[in-house]
Amino acid sequence: MPLITALAAAPVVASTALAAGTFLPCHTFDYLRVRIKALGGTVEVRPYYELAPGDWWPLRADAVAAAGSANVTANPAVRGGKSDGAFHSMGLSCAVVLVVEVGNVAHVAEAYLDIADTET
């Protein structure tokens, strides 16, 4: 599973301008797996995908919290700060980043992002 650097906000530039290790070139039909470890404070992360160069969208997000998928949350006081979650991507062929939507990005000790497609 690739180690990735979580970001404090969604990028405003194309993935071609991002540093190596901050995005995953992704080709998936089904799920993205997110693993996060927090130290020093709770964080909530969500994958964002690049719809067009520099146009980043939150994966499975909705203005109504109950309608979208929940963020992956890691709390240093629970399970050693480790959390493991999945986002049903419904198919992606683009760059994907991990964005800390709640909490301080400095509290992310480790972040992993990978494809977790189911067999057909």
Protein backbone atom coordinates (compact mmCIF):
# COMPACT_ATOMS: atom_id res chain seq x y z
CA MET A 1 0.00 0.00 0.00
CA PRO A 2 1.55 3.31 -1.04
CA LEU A 3 2.53 5.78 1.67
CA ILE A 4 1.14 9.20 0.76
CA THR A 5 1.54 12.68 2.24
CA ALA A 6 -1.81 13.99 3.47
CA LEU A 7 -2.59 17.59 2.50
CA ALA A 8 -4.08 20.39 4.62
CA ALA A 9 -6.42 21.45 1.79
CA ALA A 10 -7.43 20.37 -1.68
CA PRO A 11 -4.83 21.37 -4.27
CA VAL A 12 -5.46 24.33 -6.56
CA VAL A 13 -3.00 23.12 -9.19
CA ALA A 14 -2.90 20.14 -11.53
CA SER A 15 -1.44 16.87 -10.29
CA THR A 16 1.48 17.40 -12.69
CA ALA A 17 2.56 20.31 -10.45
CA LEU A 18 2.32 18.35 -7.17
CA ALA A 19 5.29 16.86 -5.38
CA ALA A 20 5.92 13.15 -5.71
CA GLY A 21 4.29 11.22 -2.89
CA THR A 22 1.35 13.60 -2.50
CA PHE A 23 -0.95 11.87 -5.00
CA LEU A 24 -1.72 8.41 -6.32
CA PRO A 25 -2.26 7.87 -10.05
CA CYS A 26 -5.39 5.80 -9.75
CA HIS A 27 -7.25 3.41 -12.06
CA THR A 28 -9.99 1.69 -10.09
CA PHE A 29 -13.40 0.24 -10.78
CA ASP A 30 -14.55 -0.03 -7.20
CA TYR A 31 -12.95 1.01 -3.89
CA LEU A 32 -10.13 3.16 -2.53
CA ARG A 33 -8.69 2.03 0.78
CA VAL A 34 -7.48 4.67 3.23
CA ARG A 35 -5.31 3.98 6.27
CA ILE A 36 -4.35 6.78 8.62
CA LYS A 37 -2.41 7.04 11.88
CA ALA A 38 -2.74 10.12 14.08
CA LEU A 39 -0.43 11.38 16.81
CA GLY A 40 -1.13 14.45 18.96
CA GLY A 41 -4.73 15.03 17.85
CA THR A 42 -7.72 13.60 15.99
CA VAL A 43 -7.87 13.97 12.21
CA GLU A 44 -10.49 13.21 9.56
CA VAL A 45 -9.39 12.59 5.99
CA ARG A 46 -11.12 12.18 2.65
CA PRO A 47 -9.79 11.34 -0.81
CA TYR A 48 -10.12 14.04 -3.48
CA TYR A 49 -9.88 13.19 -7.18
CA GLU A 50 -8.80 15.34 -10.11
CA LEU A 51 -11.76 15.64 -12.48
CA ALA A 52 -9.82 17.92 -14.84
CA PRO A 53 -6.32 19.42 -14.47
CA GLY A 54 -6.39 21.46 -11.23
CA ASP A 55 -10.09 20.71 -10.56
CA TRP A 56 -10.22 18.55 -7.40
CA TRP A 57 -13.45 17.01 -6.12
CA PRO A 58 -14.14 15.36 -2.73
CA LEU A 59 -14.91 11.67 -3.18
CA ARG A 60 -18.38 10.64 -1.98
CA ALA A 61 -19.02 14.00 -0.26
CA ASP A 62 -22.38 15.72 0.00
CA ALA A 63 -23.61 18.94 1.62
CA VAL A 64 -25.95 16.74 3.68
CA ALA A 65 -23.69 14.65 5.91
CA ALA A 66 -26.00 11.62 5.97
CA ALA A 67 -26.11 11.51 2.15
CA GLY A 68 -22.35 11.17 1.60
CA SER A 69 -19.68 8.82 2.95
CA ALA A 70 -18.10 9.64 6.29
CA ASN A 71 -14.46 10.70 6.51
CA VAL A 72 -11.91 8.24 7.84
CA THR A 73 -11.18 9.40 11.40
CA ALA A 74 -8.07 8.60 13.43
CA ASN A 75 -7.85 9.41 17.14
CA PRO A 76 -4.54 8.84 18.98
CA ALA A 77 -6.49 7.65 22.06
CA VAL A 78 -8.33 4.92 20.12
CA ARG A 79 -6.69 1.82 18.56
CA GLY A 80 -3.24 3.35 18.81
CA GLY A 81 -4.32 6.22 16.56
CA LYS A 82 -4.87 3.87 13.60
CA SER A 83 -7.93 3.84 11.37
CA ASP A 84 -8.78 1.94 8.20
CA GLY A 85 -11.61 2.82 5.82
CA ALA A 86 -12.84 2.51 2.27
CA PHE A 87 -14.54 4.79 -0.23
CA HIS A 88 -16.63 3.35 -3.04
CA SER A 89 -15.19 5.25 -5.98
CA MET A 90 -17.66 4.07 -8.64
CA GLY A 91 -14.70 4.06 -11.02
CA LEU A 92 -11.80 6.49 -11.26
CA SER A 93 -8.97 6.98 -13.72
CA CYS A 94 -7.16 10.05 -12.41
CA ALA A 95 -4.92 11.40 -9.66
CA VAL A 96 -6.14 11.10 -6.05
CA VAL A 97 -4.93 12.96 -2.93
CA LEU A 98 -5.79 12.64 0.77
CA VAL A 99 -7.04 15.84 2.39
CA VAL A 100 -7.37 16.47 6.13
CA GLU A 101 -10.87 17.97 6.36
CA VAL A 102 -10.98 18.11 10.18
CA GLY A 103 -7.98 18.53 12.46
CA ASN A 104 -4.38 19.52 11.92
CA VAL A 105 -2.40 17.91 9.09
CA ALA A 106 0.64 17.93 11.41
CA HIS A 107 -1.13 15.23 13.48
CA VAL A 108 -1.00 12.76 10.58
CA ALA A 109 1.84 10.37 11.41
CA GLU A 110 1.21 7.99 8.51
CA ALA A 111 -1.22 7.92 5.59
CA TYR A 112 -1.73 5.19 3.01
CA LEU A 113 -3.93 5.14 -0.08
CA ASP A 114 -4.50 2.17 -2.33
CA ILE A 115 -6.90 0.54 -4.75
CA ALA A 116 -9.10 -2.13 -3.17
CA ASP A 117 -11.21 -3.41 -6.05
CA THR A 118 -13.41 -6.44 -5.51
CA GLU A 119 -13.18 -9.39 -7.82
CA THR A 120 -15.71 -9.65 -10.62
